[in-house]
Amino acid sequence: MDFGPDARAVTDWIGCAMARAATQGATSVAPTHLEETAVHVLSHKVREKFNEGANPNLGIRRDRLILNIVQRIMRTPGFAANLGHDARAKSAPTASPAAHAFAPAQLAEPQLAEIVADYVHARVFLATLVRGYPHYRNTLLPTAEHVRIWVNTVDGVLQPYATPGDVQQIAMHGFWALIRALRPGQTLVDVHLVKQVGELYERTYQAIGSAANPAGQERAQVGRQVVEEAVASVLRSPANPKNAPNAARPGSW
């Protein structure tokens, strides 16, 4: 984009959120009202460098990025308290981001469904995702934030306007985003974790491909191939301890 949205967009955003709250009978604006109106208002406050008519996928990606940023801010611990909606949370000590990131989640099916419902293309496969989630909720999907990375990646891969190149980029980004979220700040590659995350996404794309239409099957297959290649490249790379040269024995070159 060239610029935007700027500070003037905030007044329009809050005004729209107030209207949404009023139609729902609420007496105050909650973070959910701001989330629900973010894309509708903020996407129109951006001046793009592209022609959306010629490349609609970039418009979809713009809206997705806006929503991801807003959700991350709105769902930060203590955000609602700072708005004055929860007096108890306001007086309670705020957990550090690191502590929050790995707090046990154990999402129930309605909570998982609520997250998936935020993603237009993924929510069609809610039943498939609900079946797969319990296998990984204690390891690779320990919090709602990790679940969102997983579902957001699936949603991006299934975009109807996504080209094969877009699918490759989205699948690769989501793959590494989940690894980074599970090991924040870690610079060394955890080969075991790479294999686990690869298995999660491969099984996800396989299950979705079995339930999707031909176009969805094609995108799921591309996503699966991207993950398989990413895992294979790590296993072949010097980052894998198994590929490190053997230590020289005493007296040898």
C-alpha atoms as a PDB file:
ATOM      1  CA  MET A   1       0.000   0.000   0.000  1.00  0.00           C
ATOM      2  CA  ASP A   2       1.004   3.632  -0.400  1.00  0.00           C
ATOM      3  CA  PHE A   3      -0.371   4.715   2.975  1.00  0.00           C
ATOM      4  CA  GLY A   4      -3.137   4.312   5.508  1.00  0.00           C
ATOM      5  CA  PRO A   5      -5.134   3.844   7.518  1.00  0.00           C
ATOM      6  CA  ASP A   6      -4.160   6.965   9.477  1.00  0.00           C
ATOM      7  CA  ALA A   7      -5.374   8.300  12.828  1.00  0.00           C
ATOM      8  CA  ARG A   8      -8.470   9.869  11.270  1.00  0.00           C
ATOM      9  CA  ALA A   9      -9.773   6.386  10.478  1.00  0.00           C
ATOM     10  CA  VAL A  10     -10.103   5.637  14.194  1.00  0.00           C
ATOM     11  CA  THR A  11     -13.111   7.925  14.640  1.00  0.00           C
ATOM     12  CA  ASP A  12     -14.943   6.251  11.758  1.00  0.00           C
ATOM     13  CA  TRP A  13     -14.036   2.825  13.134  1.00  0.00           C
ATOM     14  CA  ILE A  14     -15.277   3.599  16.643  1.00  0.00           C
ATOM     15  CA  GLY A  15     -18.425   5.182  15.248  1.00  0.00           C
ATOM     16  CA  CYS A  16     -19.175   2.063  13.240  1.00  0.00           C
ATOM     17  CA  ALA A  17     -18.447  -0.133  16.276  1.00  0.00           C
ATOM     18  CA  MET A  18     -20.827   1.998  18.355  1.00  0.00           C
ATOM     19  CA  ALA A  19     -23.538   1.490  15.765  1.00  0.00           C
ATOM     20  CA  ARG A  20     -22.910  -2.266  15.789  1.00  0.00           C
ATOM     21  CA  ALA A  21     -23.126  -2.318  19.595  1.00  0.00           C
ATOM     22  CA  ALA A  22     -26.373  -0.323  19.526  1.00  0.00           C
ATOM     23  CA  THR A  23     -28.024  -2.687  17.041  1.00  0.00           C
ATOM     24  CA  GLN A  24     -27.146  -5.588  19.354  1.00  0.00           C
ATOM     25  CA  GLY A  25     -28.616  -3.820  22.391  1.00  0.00           C
ATOM     26  CA  ALA A  26     -25.240  -3.331  24.089  1.00  0.00           C
ATOM     27  CA  THR A  27     -24.628  -0.267  26.260  1.00  0.00           C
ATOM     28  CA  SER A  28     -20.898  -0.037  25.527  1.00  0.00           C
ATOM     29  CA  VAL A  29     -18.412  -0.916  22.806  1.00  0.00           C
ATOM     30  CA  ALA A  30     -16.608  -4.213  23.366  1.00  0.00           C
ATOM     31  CA  PRO A  31     -13.526  -5.565  21.549  1.00  0.00           C
ATOM     32  CA  THR A  32     -15.798  -7.902  19.574  1.00  0.00           C
ATOM     33  CA  HIS A  33     -17.629  -4.905  18.083  1.00  0.00           C
ATOM     34  CA  LEU A  34     -14.306  -3.429  16.992  1.00  0.00           C
ATOM     35  CA  GLU A  35     -13.240  -6.750  15.448  1.00  0.00           C
ATOM     36  CA  GLU A  36     -16.514  -7.117  13.565  1.00  0.00           C
ATOM     37  CA  THR A  37     -16.209  -3.674  11.967  1.00  0.00           C
ATOM     38  CA  ALA A  38     -12.442  -3.465  11.414  1.00  0.00           C
ATOM     39  CA  VAL A  39     -12.251  -4.771   7.865  1.00  0.00           C
ATOM     40  CA  HIS A  40     -15.396  -2.931   6.773  1.00  0.00           C
ATOM     41  CA  VAL A  41     -13.938   0.437   7.824  1.00  0.00           C
ATOM     42  CA  LEU A  42     -10.149   0.148   7.752  1.00  0.00           C
ATOM     43  CA  SER A  43      -9.834  -1.583   4.384  1.00  0.00           C
ATOM     44  CA  HIS A  44     -11.434   1.477   2.780  1.00  0.00           C
ATOM     45  CA  LYS A  45      -8.881   3.737   4.463  1.00  0.00           C
ATOM     46  CA  VAL A  46      -5.934   2.155   2.682  1.00  0.00           C
ATOM     47  CA  ARG A  47      -4.521   3.414  -0.595  1.00  0.00           C
ATOM     48  CA  GLU A  48      -3.261   0.362  -2.457  1.00  0.00           C
ATOM     49  CA  LYS A  49      -0.498   0.050  -5.011  1.00  0.00           C
ATOM     50  CA  PHE A  50      -2.475  -2.559  -6.929  1.00  0.00           C
ATOM     51  CA  ASN A  51      -5.639  -2.734  -8.997  1.00  0.00           C
ATOM     52  CA  GLU A  52      -8.055  -4.940  -7.069  1.00  0.00           C
ATOM     53  CA  GLY A  53     -10.065  -5.613 -10.200  1.00  0.00           C
ATOM     54  CA  ALA A  54      -6.994  -7.061 -11.888  1.00  0.00           C
ATOM     55  CA  ASN A  55      -5.755  -8.972  -8.841  1.00  0.00           C
ATOM     56  CA  PRO A  56      -8.577  -9.622  -6.356  1.00  0.00           C
ATOM     57  CA  ASN A  57      -6.371 -11.941  -4.306  1.00  0.00           C
ATOM     58  CA  LEU A  58      -4.377  -8.966  -3.049  1.00  0.00           C
ATOM     59  CA  GLY A  59      -7.597  -7.368  -1.809  1.00  0.00           C
ATOM     60  CA  ILE A  60      -8.389 -10.558   0.084  1.00  0.00           C
ATOM     61  CA  ARG A  61      -4.883 -10.617   1.539  1.00  0.00           C
ATOM     62  CA  ARG A  62      -5.187  -6.957   2.602  1.00  0.00           C
ATOM     63  CA  ASP A  63      -8.415  -7.668   4.483  1.00  0.00           C
ATOM     64  CA  ARG A  64      -6.897 -10.774   6.067  1.00  0.00           C
ATOM     65  CA  LEU A  65      -3.888  -8.846   7.328  1.00  0.00           C
ATOM     66  CA  ILE A  66      -6.075  -6.093   8.781  1.00  0.00           C
ATOM     67  CA  LEU A  67      -8.215  -8.638  10.613  1.00  0.00           C
ATOM     68  CA  ASN A  68      -5.187 -10.565  11.898  1.00  0.00           C
ATOM     69  CA  ILE A  69      -3.616  -7.408  13.327  1.00  0.00           C
ATOM     70  CA  VAL A  70      -6.849  -6.250  14.952  1.00  0.00           C
ATOM     71  CA  GLN A  71      -7.560  -9.673  16.470  1.00  0.00           C
ATOM     72  CA  ARG A  72      -4.056  -9.928  17.880  1.00  0.00           C
ATOM     73  CA  ILE A  73      -4.433  -6.536  19.575  1.00  0.00           C
ATOM     74  CA  MET A  74      -7.999  -7.037  20.772  1.00  0.00           C
ATOM     75  CA  ARG A  75      -7.248 -10.450  22.255  1.00  0.00           C
ATOM     76  CA  THR A  76      -4.132  -9.375  24.125  1.00  0.00           C
ATOM     77  CA  PRO A  77      -4.528 -10.129  27.859  1.00  0.00           C
ATOM     78  CA  GLY A  78      -5.791  -7.055  29.694  1.00  0.00           C
ATOM     79  CA  PHE A  79      -6.981  -5.198  26.597  1.00  0.00           C
ATOM     80  CA  ALA A  80     -10.656  -5.346  27.571  1.00  0.00           C
ATOM     81  CA  ALA A  81      -9.701  -4.394  31.112  1.00  0.00           C
ATOM     82  CA  ASN A  82      -7.963  -1.280  29.851  1.00  0.00           C
ATOM     83  CA  LEU A  83     -11.174  -0.329  28.082  1.00  0.00           C
ATOM     84  CA  GLY A  84     -12.921  -0.556  31.434  1.00  0.00           C
ATOM     85  CA  HIS A  85     -15.105  -3.551  30.586  1.00  0.00           C
ATOM     86  CA  ASP A  86     -13.707  -5.822  33.310  1.00  0.00           C
ATOM     87  CA  ALA A  87     -12.887  -4.158  36.600  1.00  0.00           C
ATOM     88  CA  ARG A  88     -11.588  -7.389  38.114  1.00  0.00           C
ATOM     89  CA  ALA A  89      -9.108  -7.875  35.292  1.00  0.00           C
ATOM     90  CA  LYS A  90      -8.061  -4.232  35.623  1.00  0.00           C
ATOM     91  CA  SER A  91      -6.973  -4.698  39.230  1.00  0.00           C
ATOM     92  CA  ALA A  92      -5.426  -8.120  38.677  1.00  0.00           C
ATOM     93  CA  PRO A  93      -1.771  -8.481  37.654  1.00  0.00           C
ATOM     94  CA  THR A  94      -1.331  -8.906  33.913  1.00  0.00           C
ATOM     95  CA  ALA A  95       0.495 -12.013  32.788  1.00  0.00           C
ATOM     96  CA  SER A  96       3.564 -11.573  30.675  1.00  0.00           C
ATOM     97  CA  PRO A  97       3.174 -12.309  26.946  1.00  0.00           C
ATOM     98  CA  ALA A  98       5.404 -15.359  27.259  1.00  0.00           C
ATOM     99  CA  ALA A  99       3.373 -16.773  30.136  1.00  0.00           C
ATOM    100  CA  HIS A 100       0.143 -16.183  28.247  1.00  0.00           C
ATOM    101  CA  ALA A 101       1.473 -17.765  25.073  1.00  0.00           C
ATOM    102  CA  PHE A 102       1.926 -21.141  26.710  1.00  0.00           C
ATOM    103  CA  ALA A 103      -0.965 -21.129  29.168  1.00  0.00           C
ATOM    104  CA  PRO A 104      -2.918 -24.400  28.758  1.00  0.00           C
ATOM    105  CA  ALA A 105      -5.873 -23.849  26.462  1.00  0.00           C
ATOM    106  CA  GLN A 106      -7.795 -27.125  26.154  1.00  0.00           C
ATOM    107  CA  LEU A 107     -10.411 -25.487  23.959  1.00  0.00           C
ATOM    108  CA  ALA A 108     -13.850 -27.036  24.040  1.00  0.00           C
ATOM    109  CA  GLU A 109     -15.599 -27.659  20.734  1.00  0.00           C
ATOM    110  CA  PRO A 110     -17.729 -24.464  20.950  1.00  0.00           C
ATOM    111  CA  GLN A 111     -14.583 -22.376  21.550  1.00  0.00           C
ATOM    112  CA  LEU A 112     -12.819 -23.990  18.613  1.00  0.00           C
ATOM    113  CA  ALA A 113     -15.893 -23.447  16.461  1.00  0.00           C
ATOM    114  CA  GLU A 114     -15.926 -19.776  17.448  1.00  0.00           C
ATOM    115  CA  ILE A 115     -12.343 -19.352  16.248  1.00  0.00           C
ATOM    116  CA  VAL A 116     -12.927 -21.227  13.004  1.00  0.00           C
ATOM    117  CA  ALA A 117     -16.040 -19.132  12.342  1.00  0.00           C
ATOM    118  CA  ASP A 118     -13.789 -16.072  11.896  1.00  0.00           C
ATOM    119  CA  TYR A 119     -12.333 -17.616   8.724  1.00  0.00           C
ATOM    120  CA  VAL A 120     -14.685 -17.750   5.771  1.00  0.00           C
ATOM    121  CA  HIS A 121     -13.005 -20.540   3.813  1.00  0.00           C
ATOM    122  CA  ALA A 122     -11.906 -22.704   6.740  1.00  0.00           C
ATOM    123  CA  ARG A 123     -15.245 -22.772   8.526  1.00  0.00           C
ATOM    124  CA  VAL A 124     -16.704 -24.915   5.746  1.00  0.00           C
ATOM    125  CA  PHE A 125     -14.444 -27.669   7.111  1.00  0.00           C
ATOM    126  CA  LEU A 126     -15.293 -27.121  10.777  1.00  0.00           C
ATOM    127  CA  ALA A 127     -16.166 -30.776  11.366  1.00  0.00           C
ATOM    128  CA  THR A 128     -12.844 -31.873   9.854  1.00  0.00           C
ATOM    129  CA  LEU A 129     -10.832 -29.438  11.990  1.00  0.00           C
ATOM    130  CA  VAL A 130     -12.760 -30.379  15.134  1.00  0.00           C
ATOM    131  CA  ARG A 131     -11.874 -34.034  14.563  1.00  0.00           C
ATOM    132  CA  GLY A 132      -8.189 -33.270  14.122  1.00  0.00           C
ATOM    133  CA  TYR A 133      -7.703 -30.764  16.932  1.00  0.00           C
ATOM    134  CA  PRO A 134      -7.728 -33.183  19.933  1.00  0.00           C
ATOM    135  CA  HIS A 135      -4.710 -35.057  18.532  1.00  0.00           C
ATOM    136  CA  TYR A 136      -2.533 -31.919  18.832  1.00  0.00           C
ATOM    137  CA  ARG A 137      -4.077 -29.707  21.515  1.00  0.00           C
ATOM    138  CA  ASN A 138      -1.509 -30.736  24.133  1.00  0.00           C
ATOM    139  CA  THR A 139       1.514 -30.422  21.859  1.00  0.00           C
ATOM    140  CA  LEU A 140       1.328 -28.263  18.730  1.00  0.00           C
ATOM    141  CA  LEU A 141      -1.909 -26.351  19.426  1.00  0.00           C
ATOM    142  CA  PRO A 142      -1.640 -25.546  23.156  1.00  0.00           C
ATOM    143  CA  THR A 143      -3.375 -22.151  23.028  1.00  0.00           C
ATOM    144  CA  ALA A 144      -6.014 -20.312  21.044  1.00  0.00           C
ATOM    145  CA  GLU A 145      -3.267 -18.276  19.370  1.00  0.00           C
ATOM    146  CA  HIS A 146      -1.624 -21.413  17.997  1.00  0.00           C
ATOM    147  CA  VAL A 147      -5.016 -22.632  16.814  1.00  0.00           C
ATOM    148  CA  ARG A 148      -5.538 -19.343  14.960  1.00  0.00           C
ATOM    149  CA  ILE A 149      -2.228 -19.731  13.130  1.00  0.00           C
ATOM    150  CA  TRP A 150      -3.263 -23.230  12.078  1.00  0.00           C
ATOM    151  CA  VAL A 151      -6.768 -22.257  10.966  1.00  0.00           C
ATOM    152  CA  ASN A 152      -5.597 -19.041   9.295  1.00  0.00           C
ATOM    153  CA  THR A 153      -3.128 -21.028   7.196  1.00  0.00           C
ATOM    154  CA  VAL A 154      -5.820 -23.476   6.125  1.00  0.00           C
ATOM    155  CA  ASP A 155      -8.133 -20.577   5.319  1.00  0.00           C
ATOM    156  CA  GLY A 156      -5.487 -18.899   3.186  1.00  0.00           C
ATOM    157  CA  VAL A 157      -4.706 -22.068   1.257  1.00  0.00           C
ATOM    158  CA  LEU A 158      -8.396 -22.504   0.440  1.00  0.00           C
ATOM    159  CA  GLN A 159      -8.939 -18.975  -0.921  1.00  0.00           C
ATOM    160  CA  PRO A 160     -10.854 -19.303  -4.194  1.00  0.00           C
ATOM    161  CA  TYR A 161      -8.776 -16.578  -5.883  1.00  0.00           C
ATOM    162  CA  ALA A 162      -5.419 -17.885  -4.674  1.00  0.00           C
ATOM    163  CA  THR A 163      -2.976 -18.853  -7.411  1.00  0.00           C
ATOM    164  CA  PRO A 164      -0.664 -21.854  -6.935  1.00  0.00           C
ATOM    165  CA  GLY A 165       2.091 -19.380  -6.084  1.00  0.00           C
ATOM    166  CA  ASP A 166      -0.104 -17.729  -3.465  1.00  0.00           C
ATOM    167  CA  VAL A 167      -0.948 -21.113  -1.956  1.00  0.00           C
ATOM    168  CA  GLN A 168       2.726 -22.040  -1.775  1.00  0.00           C
ATOM    169  CA  GLN A 169       3.598 -18.786  -0.045  1.00  0.00           C
ATOM    170  CA  ILE A 170       0.701 -18.997   2.426  1.00  0.00           C
ATOM    171  CA  ALA A 171       1.359 -22.658   3.270  1.00  0.00           C
ATOM    172  CA  MET A 172       5.056 -22.019   3.822  1.00  0.00           C
ATOM    173  CA  HIS A 173       4.427 -18.908   5.919  1.00  0.00           C
ATOM    174  CA  GLY A 174       1.895 -20.715   8.111  1.00  0.00           C
ATOM    175  CA  PHE A 175       4.217 -23.694   8.555  1.00  0.00           C
ATOM    176  CA  TRP A 176       7.079 -21.578   9.890  1.00  0.00           C
ATOM    177  CA  ALA A 177       4.769 -19.213  11.785  1.00  0.00           C
ATOM    178  CA  LEU A 178       3.522 -22.098  13.938  1.00  0.00           C
ATOM    179  CA  ILE A 179       7.070 -23.315  14.561  1.00  0.00           C
ATOM    180  CA  ARG A 180       8.158 -19.818  15.635  1.00  0.00           C
ATOM    181  CA  ALA A 181       5.103 -19.483  17.888  1.00  0.00           C
ATOM    182  CA  LEU A 182       5.940 -22.777  19.584  1.00  0.00           C
ATOM    183  CA  ARG A 183       9.609 -21.838  20.051  1.00  0.00           C
ATOM    184  CA  PRO A 184       9.645 -18.020  20.357  1.00  0.00           C
ATOM    185  CA  GLY A 185      13.110 -16.533  20.220  1.00  0.00           C
ATOM    186  CA  GLN A 186      14.798 -19.837  19.393  1.00  0.00           C
ATOM    187  CA  THR A 187      17.314 -19.462  16.585  1.00  0.00           C
ATOM    188  CA  LEU A 188      18.325 -23.119  16.206  1.00  0.00           C
ATOM    189  CA  VAL A 189      16.079 -25.331  14.124  1.00  0.00           C
ATOM    190  CA  ASP A 190      14.327 -28.021  16.154  1.00  0.00           C
ATOM    191  CA  VAL A 191      14.235 -30.851  13.630  1.00  0.00           C
ATOM    192  CA  HIS A 192      11.840 -32.926  15.735  1.00  0.00           C
ATOM    193  CA  LEU A 193       9.406 -30.003  15.968  1.00  0.00           C
ATOM    194  CA  VAL A 194       9.660 -29.382  12.220  1.00  0.00           C
ATOM    195  CA  LYS A 195       8.653 -32.985  11.586  1.00  0.00           C
ATOM    196  CA  GLN A 196       5.744 -32.735  14.054  1.00  0.00           C
ATOM    197  CA  VAL A 197       4.377 -29.510  12.556  1.00  0.00           C
ATOM    198  CA  GLY A 198       4.838 -30.981   9.100  1.00  0.00           C
ATOM    199  CA  GLU A 199       2.750 -33.985  10.122  1.00  0.00           C
ATOM    200  CA  LEU A 200       0.021 -31.697  11.513  1.00  0.00           C
ATOM    201  CA  TYR A 201      -0.314 -29.749   8.279  1.00  0.00           C
ATOM    202  CA  GLU A 202       0.037 -32.786   6.026  1.00  0.00           C
ATOM    203  CA  ARG A 203      -2.748 -34.618   7.855  1.00  0.00           C
ATOM    204  CA  THR A 204      -4.867 -31.458   7.840  1.00  0.00           C
ATOM    205  CA  TYR A 205      -4.529 -30.955   4.086  1.00  0.00           C
ATOM    206  CA  GLN A 206      -5.156 -34.654   3.467  1.00  0.00           C
ATOM    207  CA  ALA A 207      -8.366 -34.578   5.517  1.00  0.00           C
ATOM    208  CA  ILE A 208      -9.566 -31.367   3.894  1.00  0.00           C
ATOM    209  CA  GLY A 209      -8.767 -32.674   0.432  1.00  0.00           C
ATOM    210  CA  SER A 210     -10.960 -35.690   1.121  1.00  0.00           C
ATOM    211  CA  ALA A 211     -13.912 -33.424   1.926  1.00  0.00           C
ATOM    212  CA  ALA A 212     -13.332 -30.582  -0.557  1.00  0.00           C
ATOM    213  CA  ASN A 213     -14.507 -29.944  -4.094  1.00  0.00           C
ATOM    214  CA  PRO A 214     -11.982 -30.415  -6.941  1.00  0.00           C
ATOM    215  CA  ALA A 215     -10.629 -26.862  -6.626  1.00  0.00           C
ATOM    216  CA  GLY A 216     -10.174 -27.282  -2.871  1.00  0.00           C
ATOM    217  CA  GLN A 217      -8.530 -30.650  -3.387  1.00  0.00           C
ATOM    218  CA  GLU A 218      -6.031 -29.067  -5.755  1.00  0.00           C
ATOM    219  CA  ARG A 219      -5.124 -26.309  -3.294  1.00  0.00           C
ATOM    220  CA  ALA A 220      -4.884 -28.764  -0.398  1.00  0.00           C
ATOM    221  CA  GLN A 221      -2.551 -30.929  -2.476  1.00  0.00           C
ATOM    222  CA  VAL A 222      -0.322 -27.935  -3.232  1.00  0.00           C
ATOM    223  CA  GLY A 223      -0.238 -27.060   0.475  1.00  0.00           C
ATOM    224  CA  ARG A 224       0.707 -30.616   1.361  1.00  0.00           C
ATOM    225  CA  GLN A 225       3.497 -30.689  -1.209  1.00  0.00           C
ATOM    226  CA  VAL A 226       4.895 -27.407   0.148  1.00  0.00           C
ATOM    227  CA  VAL A 227       5.030 -28.834   3.668  1.00  0.00           C
ATOM    228  CA  GLU A 228       6.594 -32.097   2.526  1.00  0.00           C
ATOM    229  CA  GLU A 229       9.302 -30.191   0.655  1.00  0.00           C
ATOM    230  CA  ALA A 230       9.940 -27.890   3.624  1.00  0.00           C
ATOM    231  CA  VAL A 231      10.405 -30.819   6.015  1.00  0.00           C
ATOM    232  CA  ALA A 232      12.589 -32.669   3.511  1.00  0.00           C
ATOM    233  CA  SER A 233      14.814 -29.617   3.015  1.00  0.00           C
ATOM    234  CA  VAL A 234      15.341 -29.312   6.776  1.00  0.00           C
ATOM    235  CA  LEU A 235      16.178 -33.004   7.075  1.00  0.00           C
ATOM    236  CA  ARG A 236      18.766 -32.609   4.310  1.00  0.00           C
ATOM    237  CA  SER A 237      20.250 -29.389   5.653  1.00  0.00           C
ATOM    238  CA  PRO A 238      23.254 -28.924   7.969  1.00  0.00           C
ATOM    239  CA  ALA A 239      20.753 -27.776  10.630  1.00  0.00           C
ATOM    240  CA  ASN A 240      19.915 -31.438  11.135  1.00  0.00           C
ATOM    241  CA  PRO A 241      22.407 -32.864  13.653  1.00  0.00           C
ATOM    242  CA  LYS A 242      22.376 -36.156  11.765  1.00  0.00           C
ATOM    243  CA  ASN A 243      23.976 -34.382   8.818  1.00  0.00           C
ATOM    244  CA  ALA A 244      26.795 -32.856  10.831  1.00  0.00           C
ATOM    245  CA  PRO A 245      30.256 -34.248   9.997  1.00  0.00           C
ATOM    246  CA  ASN A 246      31.597 -36.753  12.508  1.00  0.00           C
ATOM    247  CA  ALA A 247      34.069 -35.361  14.996  1.00  0.00           C
ATOM    248  CA  ALA A 248      37.603 -36.272  14.000  1.00  0.00           C
ATOM    249  CA  ARG A 249      39.182 -39.030  16.023  1.00  0.00           C
ATOM    250  CA  PRO A 250      42.414 -38.201  17.838  1.00  0.00           C
ATOM    251  CA  GLY A 251      45.347 -38.465  15.517  1.00  0.00           C
ATOM    252  CA  SER A 252      43.279 -38.237  12.325  1.00  0.00           C
ATOM    253  CA  TRP A 253      42.764 -35.410   9.841  1.00  0.00           C
END
